[in-house]
Amino acid sequence: MKTLTVQPNDAGQRLDKFLTKSLPNLPQALLYKYIRLKRIKRNGKRAQISDRLAAGDTLELYINDEFFEKPRPQYDFLRASKSLDVLYEDGNLLLLNKKVGLLSHPDDTEYVDTLIGRVKRYLYEKGEYDPEAEQSFTPSLVNRIDRNTCGIVMAAKNAEALRLLNHIVKSRQLHKLYLCVVHGTPPRREDTLTGYLRKDEAKNKVTVQKNAAPDAKEIRTRYRVLDTHRGLSLLEIELLTGRTHQIRAHLASVGCPLLGDGKYGTNALNKAYGYKKQFLCAYSLQFDFREDCGALQYLDGMRFSLPDVWFETAFRDRSLWEQR
């Protein structure tokens, strides 16, 4: 014999409706038979099919254990790929190397195999994430990068880490650096570009202008030229503001579009090099706290960088041009 106690959220339901949902393995015909045979009782007394349940009611069920077995939950993230490049991991967070072509979150083209889907599968199979035990928290990405951009993405493994990491990012106590290859050469070896960015939500595209406007947000992009060769430049970028497509649009606005960027660049120029990938990578980040960051204080001063960026090596040894 097993017992079920009716919770407040289940009060007011008919007995048969409640049991149908609570015991999905119990056939409907057998459910009604057991009620008639008094093998299902309510508060120690005979139950009726049409009884309306109240919070606190106790149901005594004299039925086989097999009908109490719950089917194993089917989680979408278990269909995501197991492929996950982990740069760093501890009990609070993951630093991941997202590859070009992988979405950070689901969209209308891909729902299952995304970076966050792979993170959930990874933690679930390690025994660090149990959806059944969580009331509301799920592992979450703290930052995201475009599908066609590669680089470091942070994932929080618990609610406190997520709250603290969001604050760290918002208060700019985290410095992120990017590498990119652009057409042309900026006018100065180092500079900070300024402007105003306007976003067209319908087209998922932005434009950059010099003057302020009510519907435009200020942007600041710091760059440093690392190398130049045959009409291309390798740049290191630091975002002083973080806006949609900021690096791509801002560099394009000064005549230096990213190699491989069809949205803000020129396909004719890109085609000449024979590459379809976008030459942009979030390759390094450093924590630099100005306040006590509680459970994540140990991260202060730590810097993480990708050991290899596919296009940086090819640029410096000039094999980038040989692969055309």
Protein backbone atom coordinates (compact mmCIF):
# COMPACT_ATOMS: atom_id res chain seq x y z
CA MET A 1 0.00 0.00 0.00
CA LYS A 2 1.21 3.48 -0.89
CA THR A 3 -0.20 6.86 0.03
CA LEU A 4 -0.48 10.15 -1.82
CA THR A 5 -1.16 13.46 -0.10
CA VAL A 6 -3.06 16.08 -2.05
CA GLN A 7 -1.12 19.37 -2.27
CA PRO A 8 -2.74 22.82 -2.49
CA ASN A 9 -2.01 23.06 -6.23
CA ASP A 10 -4.02 19.87 -6.78
CA ALA A 11 -7.04 20.79 -4.66
CA GLY A 12 -10.39 20.90 -6.44
CA GLN A 13 -9.61 18.18 -8.95
CA ARG A 14 -11.75 15.11 -9.40
CA LEU A 15 -10.27 11.96 -7.95
CA ASP A 16 -10.02 10.17 -11.30
CA LYS A 17 -8.42 13.16 -13.03
CA PHE A 18 -5.85 13.54 -10.27
CA LEU A 19 -4.91 9.85 -10.32
CA THR A 20 -4.68 9.78 -14.11
CA LYS A 21 -2.00 12.46 -13.95
CA SER A 22 -0.27 11.07 -10.86
CA LEU A 23 -0.14 7.47 -12.13
CA PRO A 24 0.35 7.65 -15.91
CA ASN A 25 1.19 3.92 -16.04
CA LEU A 26 -2.18 2.88 -14.60
CA PRO A 27 -4.71 2.09 -17.37
CA GLN A 28 -7.98 4.04 -17.13
CA ALA A 29 -10.15 0.91 -17.00
CA LEU A 30 -8.08 -0.50 -14.16
CA LEU A 31 -8.25 2.80 -12.30
CA TYR A 32 -12.05 2.75 -12.27
CA LYS A 33 -12.08 -0.95 -11.31
CA TYR A 34 -9.79 -0.31 -8.32
CA ILE A 35 -12.02 2.53 -7.14
CA ARG A 36 -15.08 0.27 -7.32
CA LEU A 37 -13.25 -2.52 -5.44
CA LYS A 38 -12.24 -0.08 -2.66
CA ARG A 39 -8.56 -0.58 -3.44
CA ILE A 40 -8.30 3.21 -3.64
CA LYS A 41 -9.53 5.03 -0.52
CA ARG A 42 -9.78 8.67 0.46
CA ASN A 43 -8.95 9.53 4.07
CA GLY A 44 -9.52 5.90 5.06
CA LYS A 45 -12.99 5.72 3.55
CA ARG A 46 -14.47 4.50 0.29
CA ALA A 47 -13.70 6.88 -2.56
CA GLN A 48 -15.93 7.91 -5.42
CA ILE A 49 -14.77 8.59 -8.95
CA SER A 50 -16.27 12.08 -8.88
CA ASP A 51 -14.92 13.08 -5.44
CA ARG A 52 -13.45 16.58 -5.39
CA LEU A 53 -10.14 16.54 -3.59
CA ALA A 54 -9.11 18.97 -0.86
CA ALA A 55 -5.61 19.98 0.20
CA GLY A 56 -4.35 17.53 2.81
CA ASP A 57 -6.50 14.61 1.67
CA THR A 58 -4.73 11.27 1.95
CA LEU A 59 -5.27 8.61 -0.70
CA GLU A 60 -4.50 5.00 0.19
CA LEU A 61 -3.65 2.98 -2.89
CA TYR A 62 -3.72 -0.82 -2.69
CA ILE A 63 -2.28 -1.44 -6.13
CA ASN A 64 0.86 -3.00 -7.62
CA ASP A 65 4.18 -1.16 -7.35
CA GLU A 66 4.67 -1.25 -11.13
CA PHE A 67 2.03 1.44 -11.55
CA PHE A 68 4.05 3.86 -9.40
CA GLU A 69 7.12 3.71 -11.59
CA LYS A 70 7.57 7.04 -13.33
CA PRO A 71 8.88 7.10 -16.89
CA ARG A 72 12.37 8.55 -17.19
CA PRO A 73 12.09 12.22 -18.18
CA GLN A 74 13.06 12.98 -21.75
CA TYR A 75 15.28 16.04 -21.82
CA ASP A 76 15.93 17.83 -25.10
CA PHE A 77 19.49 18.63 -24.08
CA LEU A 78 20.35 14.91 -24.07
CA ARG A 79 20.04 15.06 -27.86
CA ALA A 80 22.69 17.80 -28.05
CA SER A 81 26.21 16.83 -29.10
CA LYS A 82 28.68 15.77 -26.43
CA SER A 83 31.36 17.89 -28.07
CA LEU A 84 32.39 20.61 -25.63
CA ASP A 85 35.77 22.35 -25.50
CA VAL A 86 36.31 23.26 -21.83
CA LEU A 87 39.05 25.83 -21.25
CA TYR A 88 38.54 26.06 -17.47
CA GLU A 89 36.16 24.59 -14.89
CA ASP A 90 35.55 24.79 -11.17
CA GLY A 91 32.55 24.32 -8.90
CA ASN A 92 30.99 27.62 -9.98
CA LEU A 93 31.65 28.14 -13.65
CA LEU A 94 32.81 26.84 -16.98
CA LEU A 95 34.86 28.72 -19.55
CA LEU A 96 34.15 27.27 -22.98
CA ASN A 97 35.74 27.63 -26.39
CA LYS A 98 32.74 28.05 -28.70
CA LYS A 99 33.40 27.07 -32.28
CA VAL A 100 32.30 28.91 -35.41
CA GLY A 101 28.87 27.72 -36.54
CA LEU A 102 27.54 26.77 -33.10
CA LEU A 103 24.65 28.79 -31.68
CA SER A 104 24.90 29.97 -28.09
CA HIS A 105 21.13 29.63 -27.54
CA PRO A 106 18.27 28.10 -29.55
CA ASP A 107 16.71 30.07 -32.37
CA ASP A 108 14.25 29.32 -35.15
CA THR A 109 16.89 27.35 -37.09
CA GLU A 110 18.21 25.12 -34.27
CA TYR A 111 16.59 24.21 -30.95
CA VAL A 112 18.58 21.28 -29.56
CA ASP A 113 22.26 21.33 -30.48
CA THR A 114 23.37 24.66 -29.04
CA LEU A 115 26.16 25.61 -26.67
CA ILE A 116 23.79 25.81 -23.70
CA GLY A 117 22.28 22.46 -24.68
CA ARG A 118 25.75 20.89 -24.68
CA VAL A 119 26.54 22.48 -21.30
CA LYS A 120 23.40 21.04 -19.74
CA ARG A 121 24.14 17.59 -21.12
CA TYR A 122 27.74 17.76 -19.91
CA LEU A 123 26.75 18.73 -16.35
CA TYR A 124 23.82 16.29 -16.27
CA GLU A 125 26.02 13.37 -17.25
CA LYS A 126 28.62 14.44 -14.66
CA GLY A 127 25.89 14.38 -12.00
CA GLU A 128 26.18 18.12 -11.33
CA TYR A 129 22.83 19.10 -12.79
CA ASP A 130 19.55 17.38 -11.93
CA PRO A 131 16.51 19.13 -13.44
CA GLU A 132 14.18 17.16 -11.16
CA ALA A 133 15.89 18.51 -8.05
CA GLU A 134 15.94 22.16 -9.18
CA GLN A 135 13.01 24.45 -8.50
CA SER A 136 13.89 27.09 -11.08
CA PHE A 137 17.66 27.28 -11.77
CA THR A 138 19.24 25.85 -14.90
CA PRO A 139 22.90 26.22 -15.95
CA SER A 140 23.14 29.46 -17.92
CA LEU A 141 25.48 31.28 -20.25
CA VAL A 142 26.70 34.58 -18.85
CA ASN A 143 27.79 36.03 -22.19
CA ARG A 144 27.05 35.05 -25.74
CA ILE A 145 28.79 35.49 -29.06
CA ASP A 146 27.43 35.30 -32.59
CA ARG A 147 27.06 31.99 -34.38
CA ASN A 148 29.86 32.91 -36.81
CA THR A 149 32.20 34.13 -34.06
CA CYS A 150 34.37 31.78 -32.01
CA GLY A 151 35.86 32.24 -28.58
CA ILE A 152 35.39 32.14 -24.83
CA VAL A 153 31.90 31.92 -23.35
CA MET A 154 31.21 31.71 -19.60
CA ALA A 155 28.58 29.38 -18.11
CA ALA A 156 27.36 29.54 -14.50
CA LYS A 157 26.84 26.23 -12.70
CA ASN A 158 24.74 27.58 -9.81
CA ALA A 159 22.42 30.49 -9.06
CA GLU A 160 24.89 32.44 -6.88
CA ALA A 161 27.59 32.23 -9.52
CA LEU A 162 25.13 33.40 -12.18
CA ARG A 163 24.09 36.41 -10.09
CA LEU A 164 27.70 37.38 -9.34
CA LEU A 165 28.96 36.88 -12.89
CA ASN A 166 26.13 38.97 -14.31
CA HIS A 167 27.07 41.76 -11.88
CA ILE A 168 30.77 41.44 -12.74
CA VAL A 169 30.03 41.77 -16.45
CA LYS A 170 27.53 44.61 -16.03
CA SER A 171 29.86 46.61 -13.77
CA ARG A 172 32.75 46.06 -16.21
CA GLN A 173 34.98 44.17 -13.80
CA LEU A 174 35.81 41.75 -16.60
CA HIS A 175 38.04 42.68 -19.53
CA LYS A 176 37.47 40.77 -22.78
CA LEU A 177 39.85 40.88 -25.73
CA TYR A 178 39.17 39.83 -29.32
CA LEU A 179 41.35 39.03 -32.30
CA CYS A 180 40.21 39.74 -35.82
CA VAL A 181 41.47 40.11 -39.38
CA VAL A 182 40.23 43.10 -41.36
CA HIS A 183 40.54 44.39 -44.90
CA GLY A 184 42.82 47.42 -45.07
CA THR A 185 44.76 49.09 -42.28
CA PRO A 186 43.36 51.50 -39.66
CA PRO A 187 44.81 55.03 -39.76
CA ARG A 188 46.62 54.63 -36.43
CA ARG A 189 48.45 51.69 -34.85
CA GLU A 190 46.32 52.12 -31.72
CA ASP A 191 43.17 54.10 -31.18
CA THR A 192 39.73 54.19 -29.58
CA LEU A 193 36.89 54.50 -32.07
CA THR A 194 33.72 56.28 -30.93
CA GLY A 195 30.29 56.51 -32.49
CA TYR A 196 26.61 55.81 -32.11
CA LEU A 197 24.94 52.54 -33.01
CA ARG A 198 21.36 52.15 -34.21
CA LYS A 199 19.79 48.67 -34.41
CA ASP A 200 17.18 47.48 -36.91
CA GLU A 201 15.46 44.64 -35.04
CA ALA A 202 13.58 43.40 -38.11
CA LYS A 203 16.77 42.94 -40.13
CA ASN A 204 18.99 42.06 -37.15
CA LYS A 205 21.48 44.58 -38.41
CA VAL A 206 23.03 47.75 -37.01
CA THR A 207 24.37 50.97 -38.45
CA VAL A 208 27.02 53.25 -36.99
CA GLN A 209 26.89 57.03 -37.17
CA LYS A 210 29.08 59.83 -35.84
CA ASN A 211 26.39 61.93 -34.18
CA ALA A 212 24.13 61.17 -31.23
CA ALA A 213 20.46 60.38 -31.82
CA PRO A 214 17.54 59.43 -29.53
CA ASP A 215 17.42 55.88 -30.89
CA ALA A 216 21.20 55.34 -31.07
CA LYS A 217 23.52 54.10 -28.33
CA GLU A 218 27.07 55.30 -27.77
CA ILE A 219 29.81 52.82 -28.64
CA ARG A 220 33.55 52.80 -27.95
CA THR A 221 35.91 50.28 -29.49
CA ARG A 222 39.63 50.17 -28.70
CA TYR A 223 41.94 48.49 -31.22
CA ARG A 224 45.63 47.71 -31.62
CA VAL A 225 47.26 46.67 -34.89
CA LEU A 226 49.35 43.54 -34.32
CA ASP A 227 50.45 42.82 -37.89
CA THR A 228 49.74 43.80 -41.48
CA HIS A 229 50.35 41.99 -44.76
CA ARG A 230 49.12 42.26 -48.34
CA GLY A 231 46.02 44.33 -47.70
CA LEU A 232 44.95 42.67 -44.44
CA SER A 233 45.52 43.57 -40.79
CA LEU A 234 45.50 41.49 -37.62
CA LEU A 235 43.93 43.47 -34.78
CA GLU A 236 43.41 43.06 -31.06
CA ILE A 237 40.11 44.60 -29.92
CA GLU A 238 38.77 45.61 -26.51
CA LEU A 239 35.11 46.52 -26.24
CA LEU A 240 34.63 49.51 -23.95
CA THR A 241 30.89 49.18 -24.57
CA GLY A 242 29.09 45.98 -25.47
CA ARG A 243 26.51 46.37 -28.24
CA THR A 244 25.08 44.06 -30.87
CA HIS A 245 27.58 43.43 -33.72
CA GLN A 246 29.69 46.32 -32.37
CA ILE A 247 33.10 45.14 -33.56
CA ARG A 248 31.88 44.15 -37.01
CA ALA A 249 29.86 47.30 -37.66
CA HIS A 250 32.29 49.76 -36.06
CA LEU A 251 35.32 48.54 -38.00
CA ALA A 252 33.32 48.43 -41.23
CA SER A 253 32.25 52.04 -40.65
CA VAL A 254 35.89 53.18 -40.77
CA GLY A 255 36.66 51.21 -43.92
CA CYS A 256 38.09 48.07 -42.30
CA PRO A 257 35.42 45.34 -42.48
CA LEU A 258 36.17 41.91 -41.08
CA LEU A 259 37.50 39.29 -43.46
CA GLY A 260 34.70 36.78 -44.08
CA ASP A 261 31.89 39.04 -42.84
CA GLY A 262 29.14 39.08 -45.44
CA LYS A 263 26.75 41.26 -43.46
CA TYR A 264 28.95 44.29 -42.82
CA GLY A 265 31.75 43.58 -45.29
CA THR A 266 31.96 43.15 -49.03
CA ASN A 267 31.41 39.70 -50.48
CA ALA A 268 33.54 40.52 -53.50
CA LEU A 269 36.53 41.23 -51.25
CA ASN A 270 35.89 38.14 -49.12
CA LYS A 271 35.53 35.91 -52.17
CA ALA A 272 39.00 36.81 -53.36
CA TYR A 273 40.45 35.09 -50.28
CA GLY A 274 38.30 31.98 -50.52
CA TYR A 275 37.27 31.90 -46.86
CA LYS A 276 33.67 31.58 -45.68
CA LYS A 277 34.46 31.84 -41.97
CA GLN A 278 34.28 35.15 -40.11
CA PHE A 279 37.70 36.16 -38.77
CA LEU A 280 36.69 37.16 -35.25
CA CYS A 281 37.50 35.43 -31.97
CA ALA A 282 36.87 36.33 -28.31
CA TYR A 283 40.25 34.96 -27.31
CA SER A 284 41.02 36.30 -23.82
CA LEU A 285 39.36 37.55 -20.63
CA GLN A 286 40.63 38.83 -17.29
CA PHE A 287 38.81 39.36 -14.01
CA ASP A 288 39.66 42.70 -12.39
CA PHE A 289 37.51 43.32 -9.31
CA ARG A 290 37.01 46.71 -7.70
CA GLU A 291 34.89 45.27 -4.89
CA ASP A 292 34.42 42.05 -2.95
CA CYS A 293 32.79 39.52 -5.26
CA GLY A 294 31.93 37.00 -2.57
CA ALA A 295 32.08 33.37 -3.62
CA LEU A 296 33.94 34.31 -6.82
CA GLN A 297 36.60 36.50 -5.20
CA TYR A 298 39.23 33.85 -5.98
CA LEU A 299 38.93 34.78 -9.67
CA ASP A 300 40.29 38.29 -9.13
CA GLY A 301 43.31 38.91 -11.32
CA MET A 302 43.00 35.63 -13.19
CA ARG A 303 43.36 35.73 -16.97
CA PHE A 304 42.29 33.05 -19.40
CA SER A 305 43.30 32.89 -23.05
CA LEU A 306 42.79 30.40 -25.84
CA PRO A 307 46.07 28.60 -26.54
CA ASP A 308 45.58 28.88 -30.28
CA VAL A 309 43.38 30.98 -32.56
CA TRP A 310 43.16 29.37 -35.97
CA PHE A 311 43.59 32.52 -38.03
CA GLU A 312 46.24 34.24 -35.87
CA THR A 313 48.80 31.50 -36.55
CA ALA A 314 47.90 31.47 -40.25
CA PHE A 315 48.30 35.26 -40.42
CA ARG A 316 51.66 35.43 -38.67
CA ASP A 317 53.29 32.61 -40.64
CA ARG A 318 51.63 33.90 -43.87
CA SER A 319 50.00 30.53 -44.58
CA LEU A 320 46.69 32.42 -44.66
CA TRP A 321 47.56 33.54 -48.18
CA GLU A 322 48.86 30.13 -49.27
CA GLN A 323 45.50 28.48 -48.47
CA ARG A 324 43.59 30.67 -50.91
